[in-house]
N, C-alpha and C. Protein backbone atom coordinates (compact mmCIF):
# COMPACT_ATOMS: atom_id res chain seq x y z
N MET A 1 13.36 6.98 -26.99
CA MET A 1 14.75 7.13 -26.69
C MET A 1 14.83 7.43 -25.22
N TYR A 2 15.51 6.56 -24.42
CA TYR A 2 15.66 6.90 -22.95
C TYR A 2 17.02 7.63 -22.68
N VAL A 3 16.96 8.56 -21.90
CA VAL A 3 18.26 9.30 -21.48
C VAL A 3 18.47 9.00 -19.86
N LEU A 4 19.67 8.60 -19.59
CA LEU A 4 20.02 8.39 -18.31
C LEU A 4 20.99 9.55 -17.79
N LYS A 5 20.86 10.26 -16.70
CA LYS A 5 21.53 11.27 -16.21
C LYS A 5 22.30 10.95 -14.90
N LYS A 6 23.47 11.14 -14.79
CA LYS A 6 24.15 10.69 -13.32
C LYS A 6 23.94 11.66 -12.52
N ASN A 7 23.46 11.31 -11.16
CA ASN A 7 23.26 12.20 -10.18
C ASN A 7 24.19 11.93 -9.20
N VAL A 8 25.46 12.56 -9.10
CA VAL A 8 26.52 12.46 -8.17
C VAL A 8 26.18 13.14 -6.89
N ASP A 9 25.30 13.88 -6.58
CA ASP A 9 24.81 14.39 -5.45
C ASP A 9 23.92 13.31 -4.49
N ASN A 10 23.40 12.43 -5.21
CA ASN A 10 22.49 11.39 -4.43
C ASN A 10 23.43 10.35 -3.93
N LYS A 11 23.74 10.47 -2.65
CA LYS A 11 24.49 9.35 -1.77
C LYS A 11 23.70 8.25 -1.23
N GLN A 12 22.52 8.40 -1.40
CA GLN A 12 21.50 7.48 -0.61
C GLN A 12 21.37 6.20 -1.57
N THR A 13 21.75 6.18 -2.73
CA THR A 13 21.52 4.93 -3.61
C THR A 13 22.86 4.48 -4.29
N THR A 14 22.72 3.32 -4.56
CA THR A 14 23.85 2.65 -5.36
C THR A 14 23.69 2.82 -6.84
N LEU A 15 22.48 3.41 -7.20
CA LEU A 15 22.13 3.52 -8.40
C LEU A 15 22.33 5.00 -8.80
N PRO A 16 23.38 5.52 -9.28
CA PRO A 16 23.37 7.13 -9.44
C PRO A 16 22.67 7.57 -10.72
N TYR A 17 22.29 6.67 -11.45
CA TYR A 17 21.61 7.18 -12.85
C TYR A 17 20.13 7.25 -12.67
N GLU A 18 19.47 8.44 -13.24
CA GLU A 18 18.05 8.51 -13.15
C GLU A 18 17.75 8.83 -14.68
N LEU A 19 16.51 8.32 -14.87
CA LEU A 19 15.87 8.61 -16.19
C LEU A 19 15.59 10.14 -16.27
N ASP A 20 15.95 10.94 -17.44
CA ASP A 20 15.63 12.23 -17.57
C ASP A 20 14.39 12.10 -18.62
N ALA A 21 13.36 12.58 -18.09
CA ALA A 21 12.08 12.57 -18.99
C ALA A 21 12.04 13.77 -19.79
N GLN A 22 12.92 14.97 -19.44
CA GLN A 22 12.99 16.11 -20.25
C GLN A 22 13.83 15.91 -21.56
N LEU A 23 14.94 15.22 -21.51
CA LEU A 23 15.86 14.94 -22.62
C LEU A 23 15.37 13.68 -23.38
N GLY A 24 14.61 12.88 -22.85
CA GLY A 24 14.26 11.63 -23.56
C GLY A 24 12.89 11.21 -23.14
N ASP A 25 12.43 10.05 -23.53
CA ASP A 25 11.09 9.48 -23.26
C ASP A 25 11.29 8.89 -21.86
N HIS A 26 10.04 8.75 -21.34
CA HIS A 26 9.79 8.25 -20.03
C HIS A 26 8.98 6.92 -20.04
N PRO A 27 9.62 5.80 -19.78
CA PRO A 27 8.86 4.45 -19.92
C PRO A 27 7.65 4.56 -19.00
N ARG A 28 6.65 3.89 -19.33
CA ARG A 28 5.44 3.73 -18.77
C ARG A 28 5.20 2.29 -18.20
N SER A 29 4.65 2.05 -17.11
CA SER A 29 4.34 0.71 -16.66
C SER A 29 3.07 0.62 -15.82
N SER A 30 2.54 -0.58 -15.87
CA SER A 30 1.46 -0.84 -15.00
C SER A 30 1.53 -2.07 -14.19
N ARG A 31 1.00 -2.12 -12.93
CA ARG A 31 1.04 -3.39 -12.27
C ARG A 31 -0.15 -3.49 -11.45
N LYS A 32 -0.86 -4.57 -11.34
CA LYS A 32 -2.00 -4.94 -10.56
C LYS A 32 -1.52 -5.06 -9.23
N VAL A 33 -2.35 -4.37 -8.33
CA VAL A 33 -2.16 -4.45 -7.00
C VAL A 33 -3.51 -4.70 -6.18
N ARG A 34 -3.36 -5.31 -5.09
CA ARG A 34 -4.52 -5.62 -4.29
C ARG A 34 -4.64 -4.42 -3.23
N VAL A 35 -5.83 -3.68 -3.18
CA VAL A 35 -6.04 -2.54 -2.46
C VAL A 35 -6.87 -2.88 -1.26
N PHE A 36 -6.45 -2.71 -0.16
CA PHE A 36 -7.28 -3.14 1.21
C PHE A 36 -7.75 -1.73 1.79
N MET A 37 -9.09 -1.85 1.75
CA MET A 37 -9.84 -0.72 2.18
C MET A 37 -10.42 -0.74 3.55
N ARG A 38 -10.58 0.40 4.07
CA ARG A 38 -11.13 0.35 5.44
C ARG A 38 -12.53 -0.15 5.31
N GLY A 39 -12.90 -1.08 6.38
CA GLY A 39 -14.14 -1.63 6.35
C GLY A 39 -13.99 -3.13 5.72
N GLY A 40 -12.92 -3.51 5.37
CA GLY A 40 -12.49 -4.83 4.88
C GLY A 40 -12.81 -5.19 3.30
N GLU A 41 -13.22 -4.19 2.65
CA GLU A 41 -13.24 -4.48 1.22
C GLU A 41 -11.92 -4.50 0.59
N GLN A 42 -11.67 -5.24 -0.47
CA GLN A 42 -10.54 -5.46 -1.20
C GLN A 42 -10.78 -5.32 -2.66
N LYS A 43 -9.98 -4.61 -3.27
CA LYS A 43 -10.06 -4.38 -4.82
C LYS A 43 -8.71 -4.69 -5.52
N VAL A 44 -8.80 -5.22 -6.61
CA VAL A 44 -7.56 -5.47 -7.45
C VAL A 44 -7.78 -4.27 -8.59
N LEU A 45 -6.64 -3.42 -8.43
CA LEU A 45 -6.63 -2.31 -9.43
C LEU A 45 -5.36 -2.18 -10.23
N ASP A 46 -5.39 -1.57 -11.26
CA ASP A 46 -4.00 -1.17 -11.91
C ASP A 46 -3.27 -0.03 -11.33
N LEU A 47 -2.25 -0.16 -11.02
CA LEU A 47 -1.37 1.03 -10.54
C LEU A 47 -0.55 1.50 -11.76
N HIS A 48 -0.95 2.71 -12.35
CA HIS A 48 -0.27 3.05 -13.56
C HIS A 48 0.89 3.83 -13.25
N ASP A 49 1.86 3.74 -14.08
CA ASP A 49 3.18 4.31 -14.16
C ASP A 49 4.03 4.02 -12.77
N TYR A 50 3.97 2.64 -12.61
CA TYR A 50 4.50 2.14 -11.36
C TYR A 50 6.07 2.34 -11.26
N ILE A 51 6.66 2.37 -12.52
CA ILE A 51 8.03 2.68 -12.60
C ILE A 51 8.52 4.04 -11.93
N SER A 52 7.65 4.94 -11.85
CA SER A 52 8.01 6.31 -11.37
C SER A 52 8.23 6.25 -9.92
N ILE A 53 7.83 5.23 -9.13
CA ILE A 53 7.99 5.15 -7.73
C ILE A 53 9.57 4.90 -7.51
N PRO A 54 10.04 5.45 -6.66
CA PRO A 54 11.52 5.35 -6.34
C PRO A 54 11.82 3.74 -5.93
N PRO A 55 12.97 3.16 -6.28
CA PRO A 55 13.15 1.89 -5.77
C PRO A 55 13.77 2.04 -4.30
N PRO A 56 13.60 0.93 -3.51
CA PRO A 56 12.63 -0.20 -3.87
C PRO A 56 11.26 0.16 -3.83
N ARG A 57 10.50 -0.07 -4.87
CA ARG A 57 9.32 0.49 -5.05
C ARG A 57 8.28 -0.23 -4.09
N THR A 58 8.38 -1.43 -3.66
CA THR A 58 7.37 -1.92 -2.63
C THR A 58 7.48 -1.41 -1.39
N SER A 59 8.51 -0.67 -1.03
CA SER A 59 8.85 -0.04 0.23
C SER A 59 7.97 1.35 0.37
N HIS A 60 7.58 1.85 -0.74
CA HIS A 60 6.94 3.06 -0.85
C HIS A 60 5.46 3.04 -0.86
N GLN A 61 4.94 2.27 0.15
CA GLN A 61 3.23 2.19 0.02
C GLN A 61 2.53 3.74 0.13
N ASP A 62 3.27 4.73 0.71
CA ASP A 62 2.57 6.03 0.79
C ASP A 62 2.45 6.57 -0.63
N ILE A 63 3.56 6.43 -1.51
CA ILE A 63 3.48 6.95 -2.79
C ILE A 63 2.56 6.26 -3.70
N ALA A 64 2.51 4.96 -3.49
CA ALA A 64 1.63 4.13 -4.24
C ALA A 64 0.17 4.16 -3.89
N ILE A 65 -0.14 4.34 -2.63
CA ILE A 65 -1.53 4.61 -2.20
C ILE A 65 -1.97 6.00 -2.75
N ARG A 66 -1.08 7.01 -2.87
CA ARG A 66 -1.40 8.19 -3.30
C ARG A 66 -1.73 8.23 -4.88
N MET A 67 -0.86 7.44 -5.50
CA MET A 67 -1.15 7.22 -6.94
C MET A 67 -2.32 6.50 -7.21
N VAL A 68 -2.61 5.22 -6.60
CA VAL A 68 -3.87 4.59 -6.82
C VAL A 68 -5.06 5.31 -6.53
N SER A 69 -5.11 6.14 -5.46
CA SER A 69 -6.06 6.99 -5.20
C SER A 69 -6.45 8.00 -6.13
N GLU A 70 -5.40 8.73 -6.73
CA GLU A 70 -5.54 9.81 -7.91
C GLU A 70 -5.99 9.05 -9.12
N GLN A 71 -5.57 7.93 -9.44
CA GLN A 71 -5.90 7.23 -10.67
C GLN A 71 -7.33 6.65 -10.71
N HIS A 72 -7.80 6.22 -9.48
CA HIS A 72 -9.07 5.51 -9.40
C HIS A 72 -10.08 6.37 -8.71
N GLY A 73 -9.84 7.58 -8.44
CA GLY A 73 -10.72 8.45 -7.63
C GLY A 73 -11.24 8.08 -6.34
N LEU A 74 -10.27 7.51 -5.57
CA LEU A 74 -10.47 7.02 -4.25
C LEU A 74 -9.87 7.92 -3.19
N THR A 75 -10.50 7.98 -2.02
CA THR A 75 -9.91 8.97 -0.93
C THR A 75 -8.75 8.08 -0.23
N PRO A 76 -7.50 8.86 -0.20
CA PRO A 76 -6.43 8.12 0.39
C PRO A 76 -6.58 7.53 1.67
N GLY A 77 -7.38 8.27 2.58
CA GLY A 77 -7.60 7.86 3.87
C GLY A 77 -8.49 6.49 3.97
N ALA A 78 -9.05 6.16 2.84
CA ALA A 78 -9.91 4.99 2.89
C ALA A 78 -9.02 3.71 2.52
N ILE A 79 -7.73 3.91 2.14
CA ILE A 79 -6.99 2.74 1.77
C ILE A 79 -5.97 2.54 2.95
N ILE A 80 -6.02 1.29 3.63
CA ILE A 80 -5.09 1.03 4.57
C ILE A 80 -3.84 0.21 4.25
N GLY A 81 -3.85 -0.13 2.85
CA GLY A 81 -2.49 -0.90 2.49
C GLY A 81 -2.72 -1.40 1.09
N LEU A 82 -1.59 -1.89 0.50
CA LEU A 82 -1.45 -2.52 -0.78
C LEU A 82 -0.61 -3.67 -0.56
N ASP A 83 -1.14 -4.70 -1.56
CA ASP A 83 -0.28 -5.90 -1.71
C ASP A 83 0.31 -5.90 -3.14
N PHE A 84 1.57 -5.65 -3.32
CA PHE A 84 2.16 -5.66 -4.65
C PHE A 84 2.29 -7.17 -5.23
N PHE A 85 2.22 -7.99 -4.36
CA PHE A 85 2.69 -9.53 -4.86
C PHE A 85 1.29 -10.35 -4.88
N HIS A 86 0.17 -9.83 -5.09
CA HIS A 86 -1.00 -10.62 -4.79
C HIS A 86 -1.11 -11.71 -5.97
N ASP A 87 -0.53 -11.53 -7.01
CA ASP A 87 -0.58 -12.51 -8.17
C ASP A 87 0.55 -13.44 -8.31
N LYS A 88 0.34 -14.58 -8.76
CA LYS A 88 1.32 -15.52 -8.99
C LYS A 88 2.52 -15.15 -9.65
N LYS A 89 2.51 -14.32 -10.45
CA LYS A 89 3.61 -13.87 -11.43
C LYS A 89 4.74 -13.23 -10.53
N PHE A 90 4.38 -12.34 -9.50
CA PHE A 90 5.40 -11.75 -8.71
C PHE A 90 5.44 -12.30 -7.22
N GLY A 91 4.66 -13.18 -6.81
CA GLY A 91 4.48 -13.80 -5.55
C GLY A 91 5.78 -14.34 -5.01
N LYS A 92 6.61 -14.90 -5.90
CA LYS A 92 7.86 -15.46 -5.47
C LYS A 92 8.96 -14.51 -5.01
N TYR A 93 8.67 -13.13 -5.19
CA TYR A 93 9.54 -12.20 -4.80
C TYR A 93 9.30 -11.57 -3.38
N LYS A 94 7.99 -12.02 -2.90
CA LYS A 94 7.50 -11.51 -1.64
C LYS A 94 8.48 -11.65 -0.49
């Protein structure tokens, strides 16, 4: 069961509702992202719990880089960027 809680204090968003993981379940999601490493190497990795990144998710590269680093044992400073739209499934939203 998912529980939405209205946050009337948050004037920064047009979506005043937030998932409350303490009163209900928290949905999980994964998304494949292309990771650009220093030195030119590229990796396609799963970014787990993608939905926990605040919307608009693709604007929060810093959070996503931290999450990919923690999830895959990478040094955050070794990552110079992410491509959320590398696959054809989401490429049309780029």
